[in-house]
């Protein structure tokens, strides 16, 4: 098999159904490589570990997943009967960590910061 040695040495298993071969620049015969590895091909921009790769970081649209997660969590909390202090505590503890991962890699656009 293609990844037998890797699996034996590392003890990990590659899930080729989740794997995508994304070329950087012009790669001739990319389909042949993907067929050999048993995965599919993709193109930029892609999402890797929750970060958009290949998308302009200053683009407000790149931050949509973070804003959407904020809105989903807040919508769930609006339904709960929490005091104002309880909501503030939840916002500070949970929601503040959502954009931190993104901000550690990209500078946040001012429009997104205002929206959050």
PDB file of N, CA and C in Angstrom:
ATOM      1  N   UNK A   1       0.841  -1.181   0.000  1.00  0.00           N
ATOM      2  CA  UNK A   1       0.000   0.000   0.000  1.00  0.00           C
ATOM      3  C   UNK A   1       0.884   1.242   0.000  1.00  0.00           C
ATOM      4  N   UNK A   2       0.280   2.416  -0.183  1.00  0.00           N
ATOM      5  CA  UNK A   2       1.029   3.655  -0.343  1.00  0.00           C
ATOM      6  C   UNK A   2       1.665   4.159   0.946  1.00  0.00           C
ATOM      7  N   UNK A   3       0.971   4.048   2.050  1.00  0.00           N
ATOM      8  CA  UNK A   3       1.457   4.632   3.288  1.00  0.00           C
ATOM      9  C   UNK A   3       1.779   3.583   4.350  1.00  0.00           C
ATOM     10  N   UNK A   4       2.030   2.366   3.923  1.00  0.00           N
ATOM     11  CA  UNK A   4       2.296   1.293   4.883  1.00  0.00           C
ATOM     12  C   UNK A   4       3.496   1.595   5.771  1.00  0.00           C
ATOM     13  N   UNK A   5       4.601   2.055   5.186  1.00  0.00           N
ATOM     14  CA  UNK A   5       5.793   2.329   5.980  1.00  0.00           C
ATOM     15  C   UNK A   5       5.547   3.440   6.993  1.00  0.00           C
ATOM     16  N   UNK A   6       4.878   4.477   6.566  1.00  0.00           N
ATOM     17  CA  UNK A   6       4.545   5.569   7.479  1.00  0.00           C
ATOM     18  C   UNK A   6       3.703   5.057   8.641  1.00  0.00           C
ATOM     19  N   UNK A   7       2.724   4.229   8.334  1.00  0.00           N
ATOM     20  CA  UNK A   7       1.835   3.713   9.373  1.00  0.00           C
ATOM     21  C   UNK A   7       2.570   2.809  10.352  1.00  0.00           C
ATOM     22  N   UNK A   8       3.488   1.993   9.836  1.00  0.00           N
ATOM     23  CA  UNK A   8       4.244   1.088  10.703  1.00  0.00           C
ATOM     24  C   UNK A   8       5.176   1.877  11.617  1.00  0.00           C
ATOM     25  N   UNK A   9       5.864   2.850  11.065  1.00  0.00           N
ATOM     26  CA  UNK A   9       6.850   3.615  11.826  1.00  0.00           C
ATOM     27  C   UNK A   9       6.178   4.548  12.840  1.00  0.00           C
ATOM     28  N   UNK A  10       5.103   5.241  12.427  1.00  0.00           N
ATOM     29  CA  UNK A  10       4.497   6.248  13.289  1.00  0.00           C
ATOM     30  C   UNK A  10       3.359   5.717  14.164  1.00  0.00           C
ATOM     31  N   UNK A  11       2.755   4.621  13.754  1.00  0.00           N
ATOM     32  CA  UNK A  11       1.597   4.118  14.478  1.00  0.00           C
ATOM     33  C   UNK A  11       0.323   4.872  14.123  1.00  0.00           C
ATOM     34  N   UNK A  12       0.415   5.772  13.154  1.00  0.00           N
ATOM     35  CA  UNK A  12      -0.740   6.546  12.697  1.00  0.00           C
ATOM     36  C   UNK A  12      -1.269   5.969  11.392  1.00  0.00           C
ATOM     37  N   UNK A  13      -2.496   6.282  11.069  1.00  0.00           N
ATOM     38  CA  UNK A  13      -3.078   5.820   9.818  1.00  0.00           C
ATOM     39  C   UNK A  13      -3.554   7.027   9.017  1.00  0.00           C
ATOM     40  N   UNK A  14      -3.197   7.056   7.743  1.00  0.00           N
ATOM     41  CA  UNK A  14      -3.596   8.142   6.860  1.00  0.00           C
ATOM     42  C   UNK A  14      -4.984   7.832   6.319  1.00  0.00           C
ATOM     43  N   UNK A  15      -5.902   8.781   6.464  1.00  0.00           N
ATOM     44  CA  UNK A  15      -7.237   8.639   5.918  1.00  0.00           C
ATOM     45  C   UNK A  15      -7.253   9.334   4.559  1.00  0.00           C
ATOM     46  N   UNK A  16      -7.064   8.559   3.487  1.00  0.00           N
ATOM     47  CA  UNK A  16      -6.963   9.154   2.156  1.00  0.00           C
ATOM     48  C   UNK A  16      -8.292   9.710   1.679  1.00  0.00           C
ATOM     49  N   UNK A  17      -9.397   9.281   2.259  1.00  0.00           N
ATOM     50  CA  UNK A  17     -10.681   9.858   1.848  1.00  0.00           C
ATOM     51  C   UNK A  17     -10.807  11.306   2.314  1.00  0.00           C
ATOM     52  N   UNK A  18     -10.060  11.699   3.343  1.00  0.00           N
ATOM     53  CA  UNK A  18     -10.051  13.082   3.812  1.00  0.00           C
ATOM     54  C   UNK A  18      -8.885  13.880   3.242  1.00  0.00           C
ATOM     55  N   UNK A  19      -7.953  13.217   2.599  1.00  0.00           N
ATOM     56  CA  UNK A  19      -6.741  13.871   2.121  1.00  0.00           C
ATOM     57  C   UNK A  19      -6.972  14.539   0.772  1.00  0.00           C
ATOM     58  N   UNK A  20      -6.336  15.691   0.608  1.00  0.00           N
ATOM     59  CA  UNK A  20      -6.436  16.452  -0.635  1.00  0.00           C
ATOM     60  C   UNK A  20      -5.028  16.873  -1.030  1.00  0.00           C
ATOM     61  N   UNK A  21      -4.680  16.672  -2.274  1.00  0.00           N
ATOM     62  CA  UNK A  21      -3.393  17.092  -2.809  1.00  0.00           C
ATOM     63  C   UNK A  21      -3.588  18.448  -3.463  1.00  0.00           C
ATOM     64  N   UNK A  22      -2.962  19.483  -2.881  1.00  0.00           N
ATOM     65  CA  UNK A  22      -3.123  20.850  -3.369  1.00  0.00           C
ATOM     66  C   UNK A  22      -1.788  21.321  -3.918  1.00  0.00           C
ATOM     67  N   UNK A  23      -1.709  21.564  -5.218  1.00  0.00           N
ATOM     68  CA  UNK A  23      -0.443  22.008  -5.795  1.00  0.00           C
ATOM     69  C   UNK A  23      -0.164  23.471  -5.499  1.00  0.00           C
ATOM     70  N   UNK A  24       1.113  23.781  -5.313  1.00  0.00           N
ATOM     71  CA  UNK A  24       1.559  25.158  -5.162  1.00  0.00           C
ATOM     72  C   UNK A  24       2.285  25.511  -6.447  1.00  0.00           C
ATOM     73  N   UNK A  25       1.708  26.421  -7.202  1.00  0.00           N
ATOM     74  CA  UNK A  25       2.268  26.753  -8.501  1.00  0.00           C
ATOM     75  C   UNK A  25       1.766  25.773  -9.553  1.00  0.00           C
ATOM     76  N   UNK A  26       2.494  25.713 -10.664  1.00  0.00           N
ATOM     77  CA  UNK A  26       2.120  24.825 -11.769  1.00  0.00           C
ATOM     78  C   UNK A  26       2.788  23.471 -11.574  1.00  0.00           C
ATOM     79  N   UNK A  27       2.007  22.449 -11.334  1.00  0.00           N
ATOM     80  CA  UNK A  27       2.534  21.099 -11.134  1.00  0.00           C
ATOM     81  C   UNK A  27       1.990  20.224 -12.254  1.00  0.00           C
ATOM     82  N   UNK A  28       2.877  19.826 -13.179  1.00  0.00           N
ATOM     83  CA  UNK A  28       2.399  18.951 -14.251  1.00  0.00           C
ATOM     84  C   UNK A  28       2.051  17.566 -13.691  1.00  0.00           C
ATOM     85  N   UNK A  29       1.082  16.948 -14.265  1.00  0.00           N
ATOM     86  CA  UNK A  29       0.655  15.594 -13.916  1.00  0.00           C
ATOM     87  C   UNK A  29       0.172  15.482 -12.463  1.00  0.00           C
ATOM     88  N   UNK A  30      -0.488  16.494 -11.960  1.00  0.00           N
ATOM     89  CA  UNK A  30      -0.980  16.458 -10.587  1.00  0.00           C
ATOM     90  C   UNK A  30      -2.006  15.348 -10.394  1.00  0.00           C
ATOM     91  N   UNK A  31      -2.805  15.095 -11.418  1.00  0.00           N
ATOM     92  CA  UNK A  31      -3.808  14.027 -11.334  1.00  0.00           C
ATOM     93  C   UNK A  31      -3.151  12.663 -11.186  1.00  0.00           C
ATOM     94  N   UNK A  32      -2.008  12.481 -11.840  1.00  0.00           N
ATOM     95  CA  UNK A  32      -1.283  11.210 -11.740  1.00  0.00           C
ATOM     96  C   UNK A  32      -0.789  11.006 -10.315  1.00  0.00           C
ATOM     97  N   UNK A  33      -0.236  12.049  -9.703  1.00  0.00           N
ATOM     98  CA  UNK A  33       0.232  11.962  -8.320  1.00  0.00           C
ATOM     99  C   UNK A  33      -0.925  11.661  -7.367  1.00  0.00           C
ATOM    100  N   UNK A  34      -2.051  12.325  -7.595  1.00  0.00           N
ATOM    101  CA  UNK A  34      -3.217  12.095  -6.741  1.00  0.00           C
ATOM    102  C   UNK A  34      -3.717  10.658  -6.884  1.00  0.00           C
ATOM    103  N   UNK A  35      -3.684  10.144  -8.084  1.00  0.00           N
ATOM    104  CA  UNK A  35      -4.118   8.766  -8.313  1.00  0.00           C
ATOM    105  C   UNK A  35      -3.174   7.776  -7.636  1.00  0.00           C
ATOM    106  N   UNK A  36      -1.884   8.043  -7.680  1.00  0.00           N
ATOM    107  CA  UNK A  36      -0.900   7.171  -7.027  1.00  0.00           C
ATOM    108  C   UNK A  36      -1.124   7.175  -5.512  1.00  0.00           C
ATOM    109  N   UNK A  37      -1.375   8.350  -4.953  1.00  0.00           N
ATOM    110  CA  UNK A  37      -1.587   8.459  -3.508  1.00  0.00           C
ATOM    111  C   UNK A  37      -2.984   8.026  -3.085  1.00  0.00           C
ATOM    112  N   UNK A  38      -3.899   7.975  -4.028  1.00  0.00           N
ATOM    113  CA  UNK A  38      -5.260   7.555  -3.718  1.00  0.00           C
ATOM    114  C   UNK A  38      -6.110   8.649  -3.109  1.00  0.00           C
ATOM    115  N   UNK A  39      -5.775   9.902  -3.401  1.00  0.00           N
ATOM    116  CA  UNK A  39      -6.551  11.017  -2.864  1.00  0.00           C
ATOM    117  C   UNK A  39      -7.045  11.888  -4.008  1.00  0.00           C
ATOM    118  N   UNK A  40      -7.771  12.931  -3.661  1.00  0.00           N
ATOM    119  CA  UNK A  40      -8.284  13.841  -4.674  1.00  0.00           C
ATOM    120  C   UNK A  40      -7.420  15.099  -4.731  1.00  0.00           C
ATOM    121  N   UNK A  41      -7.641  15.909  -5.762  1.00  0.00           N
ATOM    122  CA  UNK A  41      -6.896  17.160  -5.888  1.00  0.00           C
ATOM    123  C   UNK A  41      -7.785  18.325  -5.465  1.00  0.00           C
ATOM    124  N   UNK A  42      -7.153  19.407  -5.088  1.00  0.00           N
ATOM    125  CA  UNK A  42      -7.863  20.612  -4.691  1.00  0.00           C
ATOM    126  C   UNK A  42      -7.102  21.830  -5.152  1.00  0.00           C
ATOM    127  N   UNK A  43      -7.602  22.985  -4.798  1.00  0.00           N
ATOM    128  CA  UNK A  43      -6.919  24.226  -5.162  1.00  0.00           C
ATOM    129  C   UNK A  43      -7.143  25.242  -4.047  1.00  0.00           C
ATOM    130  N   UNK A  44      -6.308  26.263  -4.048  1.00  0.00           N
ATOM    131  CA  UNK A  44      -6.416  27.320  -3.055  1.00  0.00           C
ATOM    132  C   UNK A  44      -7.584  28.233  -3.384  1.00  0.00           C
ATOM    133  N   UNK A  45      -8.230  28.826  -2.437  1.00  0.00           N
ATOM    134  CA  UNK A  45      -8.017  28.737  -0.997  1.00  0.00           C
ATOM    135  C   UNK A  45      -8.653  27.480  -0.409  1.00  0.00           C
ATOM    136  N   UNK A  46      -8.028  26.966   0.643  1.00  0.00           N
ATOM    137  CA  UNK A  46      -8.537  25.814   1.368  1.00  0.00           C
ATOM    138  C   UNK A  46      -8.531  26.133   2.855  1.00  0.00           C
ATOM    139  N   UNK A  47      -9.197  25.326   3.625  1.00  0.00           N
ATOM    140  CA  UNK A  47      -9.194  25.495   5.073  1.00  0.00           C
ATOM    141  C   UNK A  47      -8.357  24.372   5.677  1.00  0.00           C
ATOM    142  N   UNK A  48      -7.379  24.742   6.499  1.00  0.00           N
ATOM    143  CA  UNK A  48      -6.523  23.767   7.170  1.00  0.00           C
ATOM    144  C   UNK A  48      -6.438  24.141   8.640  1.00  0.00           C
ATOM    145  N   UNK A  49      -6.858  23.233   9.506  1.00  0.00           N
ATOM    146  CA  UNK A  49      -6.908  23.471  10.948  1.00  0.00           C
ATOM    147  C   UNK A  49      -7.699  24.732  11.281  1.00  0.00           C
ATOM    148  N   UNK A  50      -8.756  24.952  10.508  1.00  0.00           N
ATOM    149  CA  UNK A  50      -9.627  26.085  10.744  1.00  0.00           C
ATOM    150  C   UNK A  50      -9.143  27.401  10.178  1.00  0.00           C
ATOM    151  N   UNK A  51      -7.970  27.397   9.559  1.00  0.00           N
ATOM    152  CA  UNK A  51      -7.425  28.623   8.978  1.00  0.00           C
ATOM    153  C   UNK A  51      -7.566  28.589   7.465  1.00  0.00           C
ATOM    154  N   UNK A  52      -7.934  29.705   6.859  1.00  0.00           N
ATOM    155  CA  UNK A  52      -8.006  29.749   5.403  1.00  0.00           C
ATOM    156  C   UNK A  52      -6.606  29.923   4.817  1.00  0.00           C
ATOM    157  N   UNK A  53      -6.166  28.957   4.044  1.00  0.00           N
ATOM    158  CA  UNK A  53      -4.864  29.047   3.383  1.00  0.00           C
ATOM    159  C   UNK A  53      -5.068  29.487   1.942  1.00  0.00           C
ATOM    160  N   UNK A  54      -4.300  30.464   1.535  1.00  0.00           N
ATOM    161  CA  UNK A  54      -4.385  30.952   0.171  1.00  0.00           C
ATOM    162  C   UNK A  54      -5.389  32.073  -0.013  1.00  0.00           C
ATOM    163  N   UNK A  55      -6.149  32.385   1.015  1.00  0.00           N
ATOM    164  CA  UNK A  55      -7.100  33.498   0.958  1.00  0.00           C
ATOM    165  C   UNK A  55      -6.429  34.730   1.553  1.00  0.00           C
ATOM    166  N   UNK A  56      -6.742  35.899   1.049  1.00  0.00           N
ATOM    167  CA  UNK A  56      -6.142  37.109   1.626  1.00  0.00           C
ATOM    168  C   UNK A  56      -6.629  37.317   3.054  1.00  0.00           C
ATOM    169  N   UNK A  57      -5.684  37.421   3.993  1.00  0.00           N
ATOM    170  CA  UNK A  57      -6.051  37.533   5.412  1.00  0.00           C
ATOM    171  C   UNK A  57      -6.710  38.861   5.734  1.00  0.00           C
ATOM    172  N   UNK A  58      -6.471  39.874   4.937  1.00  0.00           N
ATOM    173  CA  UNK A  58      -7.092  41.180   5.184  1.00  0.00           C
ATOM    174  C   UNK A  58      -8.518  41.223   4.659  1.00  0.00           C
ATOM    175  N   UNK A  59      -8.916  40.191   3.936  1.00  0.00           N
ATOM    176  CA  UNK A  59     -10.268  40.121   3.376  1.00  0.00           C
ATOM    177  C   UNK A  59     -11.262  39.818   4.490  1.00  0.00           C
ATOM    178  N   UNK A  60     -12.306  40.607   4.579  1.00  0.00           N
ATOM    179  CA  UNK A  60     -13.310  40.447   5.616  1.00  0.00           C
ATOM    180  C   UNK A  60     -13.992  39.082   5.494  1.00  0.00           C
ATOM    181  N   UNK A  61     -14.153  38.579   4.271  1.00  0.00           N
ATOM    182  CA  UNK A  61     -14.794  37.288   4.049  1.00  0.00           C
ATOM    183  C   UNK A  61     -14.028  36.127   4.644  1.00  0.00           C
ATOM    184  N   UNK A  62     -12.721  36.262   4.812  1.00  0.00           N
ATOM    185  CA  UNK A  62     -11.916  35.201   5.420  1.00  0.00           C
ATOM    186  C   UNK A  62     -12.273  35.003   6.882  1.00  0.00           C
ATOM    187  N   UNK A  63     -12.854  36.009   7.486  1.00  0.00           N
ATOM    188  CA  UNK A  63     -13.202  35.959   8.905  1.00  0.00           C
ATOM    189  C   UNK A  63     -14.631  35.495   9.138  1.00  0.00           C
ATOM    190  N   UNK A  64     -15.369  35.206   8.077  1.00  0.00           N
ATOM    191  CA  UNK A  64     -16.764  34.787   8.217  1.00  0.00           C
ATOM    192  C   UNK A  64     -16.952  33.561   9.112  1.00  0.00           C
ATOM    193  N   UNK A  65     -16.091  32.539   9.051  1.00  0.00           N
ATOM    194  CA  UNK A  65     -16.294  31.396   9.949  1.00  0.00           C
ATOM    195  C   UNK A  65     -16.238  31.784  11.430  1.00  0.00           C
ATOM    196  N   UNK A  66     -15.355  32.696  11.786  1.00  0.00           N
ATOM    197  CA  UNK A  66     -15.250  33.140  13.180  1.00  0.00           C
ATOM    198  C   UNK A  66     -16.497  33.921  13.579  1.00  0.00           C
ATOM    199  N   UNK A  67     -16.925  34.831  12.730  1.00  0.00           N
ATOM    200  CA  UNK A  67     -18.111  35.633  13.021  1.00  0.00           C
ATOM    201  C   UNK A  67     -19.341  34.728  13.120  1.00  0.00           C
ATOM    202  N   UNK A  68     -19.436  33.739  12.226  1.00  0.00           N
ATOM    203  CA  UNK A  68     -20.569  32.807  12.270  1.00  0.00           C
ATOM    204  C   UNK A  68     -20.585  32.014  13.567  1.00  0.00           C
ATOM    205  N   UNK A  69     -19.416  31.553  14.033  1.00  0.00           N
ATOM    206  CA  UNK A  69     -19.354  30.817  15.305  1.00  0.00           C
ATOM    207  C   UNK A  69     -19.781  31.710  16.472  1.00  0.00           C
ATOM    208  N   UNK A  70     -19.338  32.961  16.436  1.00  0.00           N
ATOM    209  CA  UNK A  70     -19.762  33.926  17.466  1.00  0.00           C
ATOM    210  C   UNK A  70     -21.286  34.003  17.498  1.00  0.00           C
ATOM    211  N   UNK A  71     -21.872  34.223  16.335  1.00  0.00           N
ATOM    212  CA  UNK A  71     -23.315  34.417  16.260  1.00  0.00           C
ATOM    213  C   UNK A  71     -24.076  33.168  16.690  1.00  0.00           C
ATOM    214  N   UNK A  72     -23.585  31.984  16.311  1.00  0.00           N
ATOM    215  CA  UNK A  72     -24.251  30.734  16.711  1.00  0.00           C
ATOM    216  C   UNK A  72     -24.221  30.558  18.227  1.00  0.00           C
ATOM    217  N   UNK A  73     -23.072  30.826  18.835  1.00  0.00           N
ATOM    218  CA  UNK A  73     -22.975  30.665  20.286  1.00  0.00           C
ATOM    219  C   UNK A  73     -23.842  31.674  21.017  1.00  0.00           C
ATOM    220  N   UNK A  74     -23.828  32.906  20.544  1.00  0.00           N
ATOM    221  CA  UNK A  74     -24.658  33.926  21.188  1.00  0.00           C
ATOM    222  C   UNK A  74     -26.138  33.604  21.045  1.00  0.00           C
ATOM    223  N   UNK A  75     -26.544  33.081  19.900  1.00  0.00           N
ATOM    224  CA  UNK A  75     -27.950  32.735  19.684  1.00  0.00           C
ATOM    225  C   UNK A  75     -28.388  31.669  20.680  1.00  0.00           C
ATOM    226  N   UNK A  76     -27.526  30.700  20.957  1.00  0.00           N
ATOM    227  CA  UNK A  76     -27.854  29.657  21.924  1.00  0.00           C
ATOM    228  C   UNK A  76     -27.981  30.205  23.328  1.00  0.00           C
ATOM    229  N   UNK A  77     -27.174  31.170  23.660  1.00  0.00           N
ATOM    230  CA  UNK A  77     -27.189  31.743  25.003  1.00  0.00           C
ATOM    231  C   UNK A  77     -28.373  32.680  25.198  1.00  0.00           C
ATOM    232  N   UNK A  78     -28.861  33.268  24.131  1.00  0.00           N
ATOM    233  CA  UNK A  78     -30.011  34.159  24.253  1.00  0.00           C
ATOM    234  C   UNK A  78     -31.237  33.380  24.704  1.00  0.00           C
ATOM    235  N   UNK A  79     -31.290  32.109  24.337  1.00  0.00           N
ATOM    236  CA  UNK A  79     -32.431  31.279  24.708  1.00  0.00           C
ATOM    237  C   UNK A  79     -32.373  30.857  26.169  1.00  0.00           C
ATOM    238  N   UNK A  80     -31.172  30.820  26.734  1.00  0.00           N
ATOM    239  CA  UNK A  80     -31.022  30.412  28.120  1.00  0.00           C
ATOM    240  C   UNK A  80     -31.345  31.591  29.033  1.00  0.00           C
ATOM    241  N   UNK A  81     -31.792  31.255  30.221  1.00  0.00           N
ATOM    242  CA  UNK A  81     -32.113  32.288  31.196  1.00  0.00           C
ATOM    243  C   UNK A  81     -30.888  32.534  32.071  1.00  0.00           C
ATOM    244  N   UNK A  82     -30.039  33.429  31.598  1.00  0.00           N
ATOM    245  CA  UNK A  82     -28.826  33.777  32.327  1.00  0.00           C
ATOM    246  C   UNK A  82     -28.911  35.233  32.774  1.00  0.00           C
ATOM    247  N   UNK A  83     -28.325  35.483  33.900  1.00  0.00           N
ATOM    248  CA  UNK A  83     -28.252  36.870  34.344  1.00  0.00           C
ATOM    249  C   UNK A  83     -27.262  37.619  33.456  1.00  0.00           C
ATOM    250  N   UNK A  84     -27.293  38.920  33.544  1.00  0.00           N
ATOM    251  CA  UNK A  84     -26.369  39.721  32.741  1.00  0.00           C
ATOM    252  C   UNK A  84     -24.924  39.399  33.110  1.00  0.00           C
ATOM    253  N   UNK A  85     -24.654  39.205  34.384  1.00  0.00           N
ATOM    254  CA  UNK A  85     -23.305  38.841  34.825  1.00  0.00           C
ATOM    255  C   UNK A  85     -22.888  37.479  34.305  1.00  0.00           C
ATOM    256  N   UNK A  86     -23.825  36.545  34.264  1.00  0.00           N
ATOM    257  CA  UNK A  86     -23.525  35.217  33.728  1.00  0.00           C
ATOM    258  C   UNK A  86     -23.184  35.267  32.252  1.00  0.00           C
ATOM    259  N   UNK A  87     -23.923  36.089  31.519  1.00  0.00           N
ATOM    260  CA  UNK A  87     -23.641  36.233  30.086  1.00  0.00           C
ATOM    261  C   UNK A  87     -22.276  36.872  29.855  1.00  0.00           C
ATOM    262  N   UNK A  88     -21.957  37.883  30.641  1.00  0.00           N
ATOM    263  CA  UNK A  88     -20.657  38.548  30.500  1.00  0.00           C
ATOM    264  C   UNK A  88     -19.526  37.554  30.770  1.00  0.00           C
ATOM    265  N   UNK A  89     -19.694  36.727  31.793  1.00  0.00           N
ATOM    266  CA  UNK A  89     -18.684  35.720  32.122  1.00  0.00           C
ATOM    267  C   UNK A  89     -18.516  34.725  30.978  1.00  0.00           C
ATOM    268  N   UNK A  90     -19.628  34.248  30.407  1.00  0.00           N
ATOM    269  CA  UNK A  90     -19.549  33.324  29.282  1.00  0.00           C
ATOM    270  C   UNK A  90     -18.873  33.958  28.077  1.00  0.00           C
ATOM    271  N   UNK A  91     -19.208  35.200  27.820  1.00  0.00           N
ATOM    272  CA  UNK A  91     -18.607  35.892  26.678  1.00  0.00           C
ATOM    273  C   UNK A  91     -17.108  36.037  26.872  1.00  0.00           C
ATOM    274  N   UNK A  92     -16.705  36.460  28.056  1.00  0.00           N
ATOM    275  CA  UNK A  92     -15.272  36.660  28.304  1.00  0.00           C
ATOM    276  C   UNK A  92     -14.504  35.353  28.260  1.00  0.00           C
ATOM    277  N   UNK A  93     -15.054  34.289  28.803  1.00  0.00           N
ATOM    278  CA  UNK A  93     -14.306  33.034  28.891  1.00  0.00           C
ATOM    279  C   UNK A  93     -14.316  32.247  27.590  1.00  0.00           C
ATOM    280  N   UNK A  94     -15.442  32.184  26.928  1.00  0.00           N
ATOM    281  CA  UNK A  94     -15.567  31.323  25.759  1.00  0.00           C
ATOM    282  C   UNK A  94     -15.345  32.072  24.456  1.00  0.00           C
ATOM    283  N   UNK A  95     -16.086  33.143  24.260  1.00  0.00           N
ATOM    284  CA  UNK A  95     -16.017  33.835  22.983  1.00  0.00           C
ATOM    285  C   UNK A  95     -14.683  34.528  22.743  1.00  0.00           C
ATOM    286  N   UNK A  96     -14.006  34.913  23.799  1.00  0.00           N
ATOM    287  CA  UNK A  96     -12.723  35.586  23.595  1.00  0.00           C
ATOM    288  C   UNK A  96     -11.685  34.639  23.011  1.00  0.00           C
ATOM    289  N   UNK A  97     -11.854  33.334  23.210  1.00  0.00           N
ATOM    290  CA  UNK A  97     -10.876  32.388  22.680  1.00  0.00           C
ATOM    291  C   UNK A  97     -11.104  32.089  21.203  1.00  0.00           C
ATOM    292  N   UNK A  98     -12.299  32.329  20.684  1.00  0.00           N
ATOM    293  CA  UNK A  98     -12.563  32.009  19.281  1.00  0.00           C
ATOM    294  C   UNK A  98     -11.659  32.765  18.303  1.00  0.00           C
ATOM    295  N   UNK A  99     -11.583  34.097  18.393  1.00  0.00           N
ATOM    296  CA  UNK A  99     -10.737  34.780  17.417  1.00  0.00           C
ATOM    297  C   UNK A  99      -9.250  34.747  17.753  1.00  0.00           C
ATOM    298  N   UNK A 100      -8.876  34.339  18.945  1.00  0.00           N
ATOM    299  CA  UNK A 100      -7.475  34.368  19.353  1.00  0.00           C
ATOM    300  C   UNK A 100      -6.621  33.512  18.434  1.00  0.00           C
ATOM    301  N   UNK A 101      -7.114  32.343  18.061  1.00  0.00           N
ATOM    302  CA  UNK A 101      -6.371  31.454  17.165  1.00  0.00           C
ATOM    303  C   UNK A 101      -6.142  32.137  15.822  1.00  0.00           C
ATOM    304  N   UNK A 102      -7.179  32.749  15.282  1.00  0.00           N
ATOM    305  CA  UNK A 102      -7.061  33.459  14.005  1.00  0.00           C
ATOM    306  C   UNK A 102      -6.099  34.635  14.136  1.00  0.00           C
ATOM    307  N   UNK A 103      -6.260  35.418  15.213  1.00  0.00           N
ATOM    308  CA  UNK A 103      -5.456  36.623  15.397  1.00  0.00           C
ATOM    309  C   UNK A 103      -3.983  36.271  15.578  1.00  0.00           C
ATOM    310  N   UNK A 104      -3.696  35.076  16.085  1.00  0.00           N
ATOM    311  CA  UNK A 104      -2.300  34.689  16.255  1.00  0.00           C
ATOM    312  C   UNK A 104      -1.601  34.476  14.913  1.00  0.00           C
ATOM    313  N   UNK A 105      -2.378  34.336  13.842  1.00  0.00           N
ATOM    314  CA  UNK A 105      -1.792  34.166  12.514  1.00  0.00           C
ATOM    315  C   UNK A 105      -2.007  35.364  11.606  1.00  0.00           C
ATOM    316  N   UNK A 106      -3.155  36.022  11.740  1.00  0.00           N
ATOM    317  CA  UNK A 106      -3.521  37.105  10.830  1.00  0.00           C
ATOM    318  C   UNK A 106      -3.882  38.353  11.617  1.00  0.00           C
ATOM    319  N   UNK A 107      -3.640  39.504  11.015  1.00  0.00           N
ATOM    320  CA  UNK A 107      -4.071  40.763  11.615  1.00  0.00           C
ATOM    321  C   UNK A 107      -5.553  40.950  11.306  1.00  0.00           C
ATOM    322  N   UNK A 108      -6.326  41.228  12.330  1.00  0.00           N
ATOM    323  CA  UNK A 108      -7.776  41.325  12.165  1.00  0.00           C
ATOM    324  C   UNK A 108      -8.145  42.654  11.516  1.00  0.00           C
ATOM    325  N   UNK A 109      -8.965  42.622  10.465  1.00  0.00           N
ATOM    326  CA  UNK A 109      -9.435  43.875   9.861  1.00  0.00           C
ATOM    327  C   UNK A 109     -10.319  44.641  10.843  1.00  0.00           C
ATOM    328  N   UNK A 110     -10.280  45.951  10.774  1.00  0.00           N
ATOM    329  CA  UNK A 110     -11.028  46.776  11.728  1.00  0.00           C
ATOM    330  C   UNK A 110     -12.526  46.548  11.620  1.00  0.00           C
ATOM    331  N   UNK A 111     -13.043  46.286  10.416  1.00  0.00           N
ATOM    332  CA  UNK A 111     -14.468  46.025  10.269  1.00  0.00           C
ATOM    333  C   UNK A 111     -14.896  44.762  11.025  1.00  0.00           C
ATOM    334  N   UNK A 112     -14.044  43.740  11.008  1.00  0.00           N
ATOM    335  CA  UNK A 112     -14.355  42.496  11.704  1.00  0.00           C
ATOM    336  C   UNK A 112     -14.278  42.709  13.204  1.00  0.00           C
ATOM    337  N   UNK A 113     -13.271  43.450  13.655  1.00  0.00           N
ATOM    338  CA  UNK A 113     -13.131  43.724  15.090  1.00  0.00           C
ATOM    339  C   UNK A 113     -14.350  44.465  15.621  1.00  0.00           C
ATOM    340  N   UNK A 114     -14.850  45.435  14.867  1.00  0.00           N
ATOM    341  CA  UNK A 114     -16.039  46.180  15.282  1.00  0.00           C
ATOM    342  C   UNK A 114     -17.256  45.270  15.318  1.00  0.00           C
ATOM    343  N   UNK A 115     -17.357  44.395  14.346  1.00  0.00           N
ATOM    344  CA  UNK A 115     -18.523  43.480  14.272  1.00  0.00           C
ATOM    345  C   UNK A 115     -18.519  42.511  15.456  1.00  0.00           C
ATOM    346  N   UNK A 116     -17.341  42.001  15.809  1.00  0.00           N
ATOM    347  CA  UNK A 116     -17.262  41.079  16.948  1.00  0.00           C
ATOM    348  C   UNK A 116     -17.524  41.816  18.246  1.00  0.00           C
TER     349      UNK A 116
END
